[in-house]
C-alpha atoms as a PDB file:
ATOM      1  CA  UNK A   1       1.016 -16.531 -12.313  1.00  0.00           C
ATOM      2  CA  UNK A   2       0.788 -13.429 -14.521  1.00  0.00           C
ATOM      3  CA  UNK A   3       3.926 -11.358 -14.966  1.00  0.00           C
ATOM      4  CA  UNK A   4       4.717  -7.865 -16.182  1.00  0.00           C
ATOM      5  CA  UNK A   5       7.175  -4.993 -16.148  1.00  0.00           C
ATOM      6  CA  UNK A   6       6.668  -2.202 -13.651  1.00  0.00           C
ATOM      7  CA  UNK A   7       8.651   0.942 -12.804  1.00  0.00           C
ATOM      8  CA  UNK A   8       9.239   1.171  -9.047  1.00  0.00           C
ATOM      9  CA  UNK A   9       8.957   4.087  -6.639  1.00  0.00           C
ATOM     10  CA  UNK A  10      10.665   2.939  -3.413  1.00  0.00           C
ATOM     11  CA  UNK A  11       9.337   4.698  -0.307  1.00  0.00           C
ATOM     12  CA  UNK A  12       9.781   4.588   3.450  1.00  0.00           C
ATOM     13  CA  UNK A  13       6.094   3.659   3.749  1.00  0.00           C
ATOM     14  CA  UNK A  14       3.874   0.802   2.576  1.00  0.00           C
ATOM     15  CA  UNK A  15       0.878   1.148   0.252  1.00  0.00           C
ATOM     16  CA  UNK A  16      -1.908  -1.421   0.636  1.00  0.00           C
ATOM     17  CA  UNK A  17      -4.546  -2.471  -1.900  1.00  0.00           C
ATOM     18  CA  UNK A  18      -7.444  -0.028  -1.684  1.00  0.00           C
ATOM     19  CA  UNK A  19      -5.369   2.475   0.288  1.00  0.00           C
ATOM     20  CA  UNK A  20      -4.344   5.949  -0.775  1.00  0.00           C
ATOM     21  CA  UNK A  21      -1.118   7.847  -0.403  1.00  0.00           C
ATOM     22  CA  UNK A  22      -0.091  11.424  -1.158  1.00  0.00           C
ATOM     23  CA  UNK A  23       3.289  11.955  -2.801  1.00  0.00           C
ATOM     24  CA  UNK A  24       5.334  15.049  -3.626  1.00  0.00           C
ATOM     25  CA  UNK A  25       7.289  14.592  -6.822  1.00  0.00           C
ATOM     26  CA  UNK A  26      10.478  16.549  -7.502  1.00  0.00           C
ATOM     27  CA  UNK A  27      13.154  14.228  -8.879  1.00  0.00           C
ATOM     28  CA  UNK A  28      13.387  14.204 -12.707  1.00  0.00           C
ATOM     29  CA  UNK A  29      13.159  10.383 -12.914  1.00  0.00           C
ATOM     30  CA  UNK A  30       9.853  10.412 -11.028  1.00  0.00           C
ATOM     31  CA  UNK A  31       8.493  13.490 -12.834  1.00  0.00           C
ATOM     32  CA  UNK A  32       9.093  11.615 -16.118  1.00  0.00           C
ATOM     33  CA  UNK A  33       7.480   8.489 -14.647  1.00  0.00           C
ATOM     34  CA  UNK A  34       4.367  10.388 -13.546  1.00  0.00           C
ATOM     35  CA  UNK A  35       4.110  12.074 -16.945  1.00  0.00           C
ATOM     36  CA  UNK A  36       4.295   8.691 -18.730  1.00  0.00           C
ATOM     37  CA  UNK A  37       1.782   7.102 -16.351  1.00  0.00           C
ATOM     38  CA  UNK A  38      -0.568  10.060 -16.738  1.00  0.00           C
ATOM     39  CA  UNK A  39      -0.513   9.722 -20.538  1.00  0.00           C
ATOM     40  CA  UNK A  40      -0.794   5.931 -20.641  1.00  0.00           C
ATOM     41  CA  UNK A  41      -3.094   5.390 -17.665  1.00  0.00           C
ATOM     42  CA  UNK A  42      -0.698   2.724 -16.389  1.00  0.00           C
ATOM     43  CA  UNK A  43       0.445   2.438 -12.807  1.00  0.00           C
ATOM     44  CA  UNK A  44       3.796   2.040 -11.089  1.00  0.00           C
ATOM     45  CA  UNK A  45       4.968   0.000  -8.143  1.00  0.00           C
ATOM     46  CA  UNK A  46       5.489   1.211  -4.598  1.00  0.00           C
ATOM     47  CA  UNK A  47       7.862  -0.858  -2.456  1.00  0.00           C
ATOM     48  CA  UNK A  48       9.229  -0.270   1.013  1.00  0.00           C
ATOM     49  CA  UNK A  49      12.868   0.841   1.042  1.00  0.00           C
ATOM     50  CA  UNK A  50      15.101  -1.782   2.633  1.00  0.00           C
ATOM     51  CA  UNK A  51      18.304   0.182   2.172  1.00  0.00           C
ATOM     52  CA  UNK A  52      18.923   3.736   1.003  1.00  0.00           C
ATOM     53  CA  UNK A  53      16.849   6.904   0.875  1.00  0.00           C
ATOM     54  CA  UNK A  54      13.760   8.099  -0.991  1.00  0.00           C
ATOM     55  CA  UNK A  55      15.765  10.741  -2.866  1.00  0.00           C
ATOM     56  CA  UNK A  56      19.153  10.457  -4.518  1.00  0.00           C
ATOM     57  CA  UNK A  57      20.815   7.177  -5.449  1.00  0.00           C
ATOM     58  CA  UNK A  58      18.461   4.277  -6.274  1.00  0.00           C
ATOM     59  CA  UNK A  59      17.328   2.563  -3.073  1.00  0.00           C
ATOM     60  CA  UNK A  60      17.034  -1.174  -2.547  1.00  0.00           C
ATOM     61  CA  UNK A  61      13.317  -2.023  -2.532  1.00  0.00           C
ATOM     62  CA  UNK A  62      11.493  -4.840  -0.761  1.00  0.00           C
ATOM     63  CA  UNK A  63      10.542  -7.808  -2.929  1.00  0.00           C
ATOM     64  CA  UNK A  64       6.797  -7.249  -2.390  1.00  0.00           C
ATOM     65  CA  UNK A  65       4.866  -4.123  -3.246  1.00  0.00           C
ATOM     66  CA  UNK A  66       1.605  -2.690  -4.493  1.00  0.00           C
ATOM     67  CA  UNK A  67       0.717  -1.221  -7.863  1.00  0.00           C
ATOM     68  CA  UNK A  68      -0.181   2.463  -7.542  1.00  0.00           C
ATOM     69  CA  UNK A  69      -2.655   4.225  -9.834  1.00  0.00           C
ATOM     70  CA  UNK A  70      -2.710   8.035  -9.980  1.00  0.00           C
ATOM     71  CA  UNK A  71      -6.148   9.298  -8.947  1.00  0.00           C
ATOM     72  CA  UNK A  72      -5.423  13.020  -8.435  1.00  0.00           C
ATOM     73  CA  UNK A  73      -2.693  15.585  -8.892  1.00  0.00           C
ATOM     74  CA  UNK A  74      -2.100  19.268  -8.129  1.00  0.00           C
ATOM     75  CA  UNK A  75       0.704  21.769  -7.770  1.00  0.00           C
ATOM     76  CA  UNK A  76       1.613  22.266  -4.121  1.00  0.00           C
ATOM     77  CA  UNK A  77       2.182  25.707  -2.584  1.00  0.00           C
ATOM     78  CA  UNK A  78       5.942  25.121  -2.792  1.00  0.00           C
ATOM     79  CA  UNK A  79       5.710  24.552  -6.563  1.00  0.00           C
ATOM     80  CA  UNK A  80       6.206  20.787  -6.377  1.00  0.00           C
ATOM     81  CA  UNK A  81       3.881  18.343  -8.078  1.00  0.00           C
ATOM     82  CA  UNK A  82       1.624  16.573  -5.617  1.00  0.00           C
ATOM     83  CA  UNK A  83      -0.169  13.373  -6.553  1.00  0.00           C
ATOM     84  CA  UNK A  84      -2.547  11.009  -4.817  1.00  0.00           C
ATOM     85  CA  UNK A  85      -2.273   7.328  -5.660  1.00  0.00           C
ATOM     86  CA  UNK A  86      -4.531   4.409  -4.894  1.00  0.00           C
ATOM     87  CA  UNK A  87      -3.224   0.918  -4.182  1.00  0.00           C
ATOM     88  CA  UNK A  88      -4.315  -1.764  -6.623  1.00  0.00           C
ATOM     89  CA  UNK A  89      -2.725  -5.221  -7.104  1.00  0.00           C
ATOM     90  CA  UNK A  90       0.098  -6.706  -5.027  1.00  0.00           C
ATOM     91  CA  UNK A  91       3.197  -8.006  -6.763  1.00  0.00           C
ATOM     92  CA  UNK A  92       6.441  -9.858  -6.140  1.00  0.00           C
ATOM     93  CA  UNK A  93       9.651  -8.495  -7.688  1.00  0.00           C
ATOM     94  CA  UNK A  94      11.492 -11.139  -9.688  1.00  0.00           C
ATOM     95  CA  UNK A  95      14.316  -8.967 -11.094  1.00  0.00           C
ATOM     96  CA  UNK A  96      15.258  -5.293 -11.133  1.00  0.00           C
ATOM     97  CA  UNK A  97      17.404  -3.095 -13.298  1.00  0.00           C
ATOM     98  CA  UNK A  98      18.301   0.577 -12.978  1.00  0.00           C
ATOM     99  CA  UNK A  99      17.875   2.795 -16.028  1.00  0.00           C
ATOM    100  CA  UNK A 100      20.368   5.521 -16.892  1.00  0.00           C
ATOM    101  CA  UNK A 101      18.146   8.136 -15.237  1.00  0.00           C
ATOM    102  CA  UNK A 102      18.154   6.168 -11.938  1.00  0.00           C
ATOM    103  CA  UNK A 103      14.624   4.778 -12.271  1.00  0.00           C
ATOM    104  CA  UNK A 104      14.280   1.195 -11.051  1.00  0.00           C
ATOM    105  CA  UNK A 105      12.287  -1.066 -13.380  1.00  0.00           C
ATOM    106  CA  UNK A 106      11.196  -4.505 -12.203  1.00  0.00           C
ATOM    107  CA  UNK A 107       9.940  -7.716 -13.713  1.00  0.00           C
ATOM    108  CA  UNK A 108       7.076  -8.612 -11.400  1.00  0.00           C
ATOM    109  CA  UNK A 109       4.670 -11.459 -10.887  1.00  0.00           C
ATOM    110  CA  UNK A 110       1.179 -10.406  -9.845  1.00  0.00           C
ATOM    111  CA  UNK A 111       0.039 -12.066  -6.646  1.00  0.00           C
ATOM    112  CA  UNK A 112      -3.360 -13.754  -6.664  1.00  0.00           C
ATOM    113  CA  UNK A 113      -5.964 -12.227  -4.403  1.00  0.00           C
ATOM    114  CA  UNK A 114      -8.513 -14.462  -2.727  1.00  0.00           C
ATOM    115  CA  UNK A 115     -12.137 -13.762  -3.560  1.00  0.00           C
ATOM    116  CA  UNK A 116     -14.412 -11.890  -1.209  1.00  0.00           C
ATOM    117  CA  UNK A 117     -14.282 -13.506   2.241  1.00  0.00           C
ATOM    118  CA  UNK A 118     -16.454 -12.631   5.211  1.00  0.00           C
ATOM    119  CA  UNK A 119     -15.013 -11.754   8.591  1.00  0.00           C
ATOM    120  CA  UNK A 120     -14.810 -14.686  10.998  1.00  0.00           C
ATOM    121  CA  UNK A 121     -16.329 -14.475  14.476  1.00  0.00           C
ATOM    122  CA  UNK A 122     -12.916 -14.614  16.139  1.00  0.00           C
ATOM    123  CA  UNK A 123     -11.917 -11.408  14.324  1.00  0.00           C
ATOM    124  CA  UNK A 124     -15.176  -9.469  14.944  1.00  0.00           C
ATOM    125  CA  UNK A 125     -13.447  -7.168  17.431  1.00  0.00           C
ATOM    126  CA  UNK A 126     -11.265  -5.861  14.584  1.00  0.00           C
ATOM    127  CA  UNK A 127     -14.357  -4.756  12.677  1.00  0.00           C
ATOM    128  CA  UNK A 128     -15.517  -2.845  15.754  1.00  0.00           C
ATOM    129  CA  UNK A 129     -12.079  -1.265  16.128  1.00  0.00           C
ATOM    130  CA  UNK A 130     -11.974  -0.193  12.484  1.00  0.00           C
ATOM    131  CA  UNK A 131     -15.487   1.281  12.719  1.00  0.00           C
ATOM    132  CA  UNK A 132     -14.376   3.404  15.693  1.00  0.00           C
ATOM    133  CA  UNK A 133     -11.246   4.551  13.864  1.00  0.00           C
ATOM    134  CA  UNK A 134     -13.272   5.491  10.779  1.00  0.00           C
ATOM    135  CA  UNK A 135     -15.810   7.328  12.947  1.00  0.00           C
ATOM    136  CA  UNK A 136     -13.059   9.383  14.590  1.00  0.00           C
ATOM    137  CA  UNK A 137     -11.567  10.141  11.167  1.00  0.00           C
ATOM    138  CA  UNK A 138     -14.973  11.233   9.852  1.00  0.00           C
ATOM    139  CA  UNK A 139     -15.065   8.486   7.210  1.00  0.00           C
ATOM    140  CA  UNK A 140     -18.537   7.134   6.525  1.00  0.00           C
ATOM    141  CA  UNK A 141     -19.240   3.399   6.557  1.00  0.00           C
ATOM    142  CA  UNK A 142     -22.231   1.064   6.583  1.00  0.00           C
ATOM    143  CA  UNK A 143     -21.774  -0.009  10.204  1.00  0.00           C
ATOM    144  CA  UNK A 144     -20.092  -2.828  12.077  1.00  0.00           C
ATOM    145  CA  UNK A 145     -20.336  -6.118  10.216  1.00  0.00           C
ATOM    146  CA  UNK A 146     -21.972  -4.505   7.186  1.00  0.00           C
ATOM    147  CA  UNK A 147     -20.721  -3.515   3.758  1.00  0.00           C
ATOM    148  CA  UNK A 148     -16.924  -3.309   3.579  1.00  0.00           C
ATOM    149  CA  UNK A 149     -16.654  -3.817   7.352  1.00  0.00           C
ATOM    150  CA  UNK A 150     -17.861  -7.377   6.770  1.00  0.00           C
ATOM    151  CA  UNK A 151     -14.972  -8.133   4.362  1.00  0.00           C
ATOM    152  CA  UNK A 152     -11.866  -9.761   5.839  1.00  0.00           C
ATOM    153  CA  UNK A 153      -9.417  -8.276   3.322  1.00  0.00           C
ATOM    154  CA  UNK A 154     -10.789  -4.740   3.610  1.00  0.00           C
ATOM    155  CA  UNK A 155     -10.688  -4.717   7.421  1.00  0.00           C
ATOM    156  CA  UNK A 156      -7.157  -6.144   7.458  1.00  0.00           C
ATOM    157  CA  UNK A 157      -5.790  -3.664   4.909  1.00  0.00           C
ATOM    158  CA  UNK A 158      -7.362  -0.638   6.574  1.00  0.00           C
ATOM    159  CA  UNK A 159      -6.188  -1.604  10.079  1.00  0.00           C
ATOM    160  CA  UNK A 160      -2.698  -2.230   8.721  1.00  0.00           C
ATOM    161  CA  UNK A 161      -2.769   1.411   7.575  1.00  0.00           C
ATOM    162  CA  UNK A 162      -4.302   2.968  10.684  1.00  0.00           C
ATOM    163  CA  UNK A 163      -2.719   1.074  13.580  1.00  0.00           C
ATOM    164  CA  UNK A 164       0.649   2.323  14.924  1.00  0.00           C
ATOM    165  CA  UNK A 165       2.822  -0.299  13.251  1.00  0.00           C
ATOM    166  CA  UNK A 166       6.409  -0.028  12.076  1.00  0.00           C
ATOM    167  CA  UNK A 167       7.091  -0.040   8.326  1.00  0.00           C
ATOM    168  CA  UNK A 168       8.560  -3.563   8.598  1.00  0.00           C
ATOM    169  CA  UNK A 169       5.388  -4.785  10.372  1.00  0.00           C
ATOM    170  CA  UNK A 170       3.267  -3.239   7.619  1.00  0.00           C
ATOM    171  CA  UNK A 171       5.484  -4.923   5.033  1.00  0.00           C
ATOM    172  CA  UNK A 172       4.991  -8.298   6.717  1.00  0.00           C
ATOM    173  CA  UNK A 173       1.207  -7.845   6.602  1.00  0.00           C
ATOM    174  CA  UNK A 174       1.382  -6.860   2.914  1.00  0.00           C
ATOM    175  CA  UNK A 175       3.199 -10.098   2.132  1.00  0.00           C
ATOM    176  CA  UNK A 176       0.559 -12.337   3.737  1.00  0.00           C
ATOM    177  CA  UNK A 177      -1.764 -13.864   1.130  1.00  0.00           C
ATOM    178  CA  UNK A 178      -4.508 -15.058   3.478  1.00  0.00           C
ATOM    179  CA  UNK A 179      -6.730 -12.224   4.798  1.00  0.00           C
ATOM    180  CA  UNK A 180      -7.691 -14.270   7.864  1.00  0.00           C
ATOM    181  CA  UNK A 181      -4.028 -14.829   8.741  1.00  0.00           C
ATOM    182  CA  UNK A 182      -3.504 -11.063   8.410  1.00  0.00           C
ATOM    183  CA  UNK A 183      -6.411 -10.441  10.780  1.00  0.00           C
ATOM    184  CA  UNK A 184      -5.048 -12.984  13.264  1.00  0.00           C
ATOM    185  CA  UNK A 185      -1.662 -11.235  13.244  1.00  0.00           C
ATOM    186  CA  UNK A 186      -3.481  -7.980  14.053  1.00  0.00           C
ATOM    187  CA  UNK A 187      -5.522  -9.614  16.844  1.00  0.00           C
ATOM    188  CA  UNK A 188      -2.292 -10.906  18.368  1.00  0.00           C
ATOM    189  CA  UNK A 189      -0.894  -7.351  18.366  1.00  0.00           C
ATOM    190  CA  UNK A 190      -3.898  -5.673  20.004  1.00  0.00           C
ATOM    191  CA  UNK A 191      -2.551  -5.928  23.586  1.00  0.00           C
ATOM    192  CA  UNK A 192       0.477  -3.889  22.451  1.00  0.00           C
ATOM    193  CA  UNK A 193      -1.790  -0.946  21.633  1.00  0.00           C
ATOM    194  CA  UNK A 194      -3.473  -0.787  25.067  1.00  0.00           C
ATOM    195  CA  UNK A 195      -2.371   2.009  27.397  1.00  0.00           C
ATOM    196  CA  UNK A 196      -0.515   0.834  30.502  1.00  0.00           C
END
């Protein structure tokens, strides 16, 4: 399993592979991090906060996270730096240390991703659900069971983002290696999202 060093940005939300997230950057440790990543083209890790806050003292991050690559940035109306990141590879945190400036740096092992796997018949309803969500959001797609909506991992990651799940439920789904197991967990939750 490949390993590496990755600065961490603990958040109260979960980033999934292929997903995007907007961040407002104001703390010096993260401004420096974004500047370094912008120059080097390297990413940083986003992990769910288990204990602590997004700002202030270093928070305790979850042991699984997703590498974030900066894809856009702009100054917000309030003068803060706004960035958009895209989720790339998943990782497991082996060890962490806190630098003098409060930035958490982790030794991580990169988690293997299964190759492209087609949706199974028993999960077809999830493809239909995602297509409807994307339609309502105005996001174009190739149609139910076609293109990305035929890929088990893609459908699982996108539903994990869009469905009304708690951060700990999203974290659990991030930690699952098998895309079909992730889809089954989502199928099992569907009755919870039906109106009474």
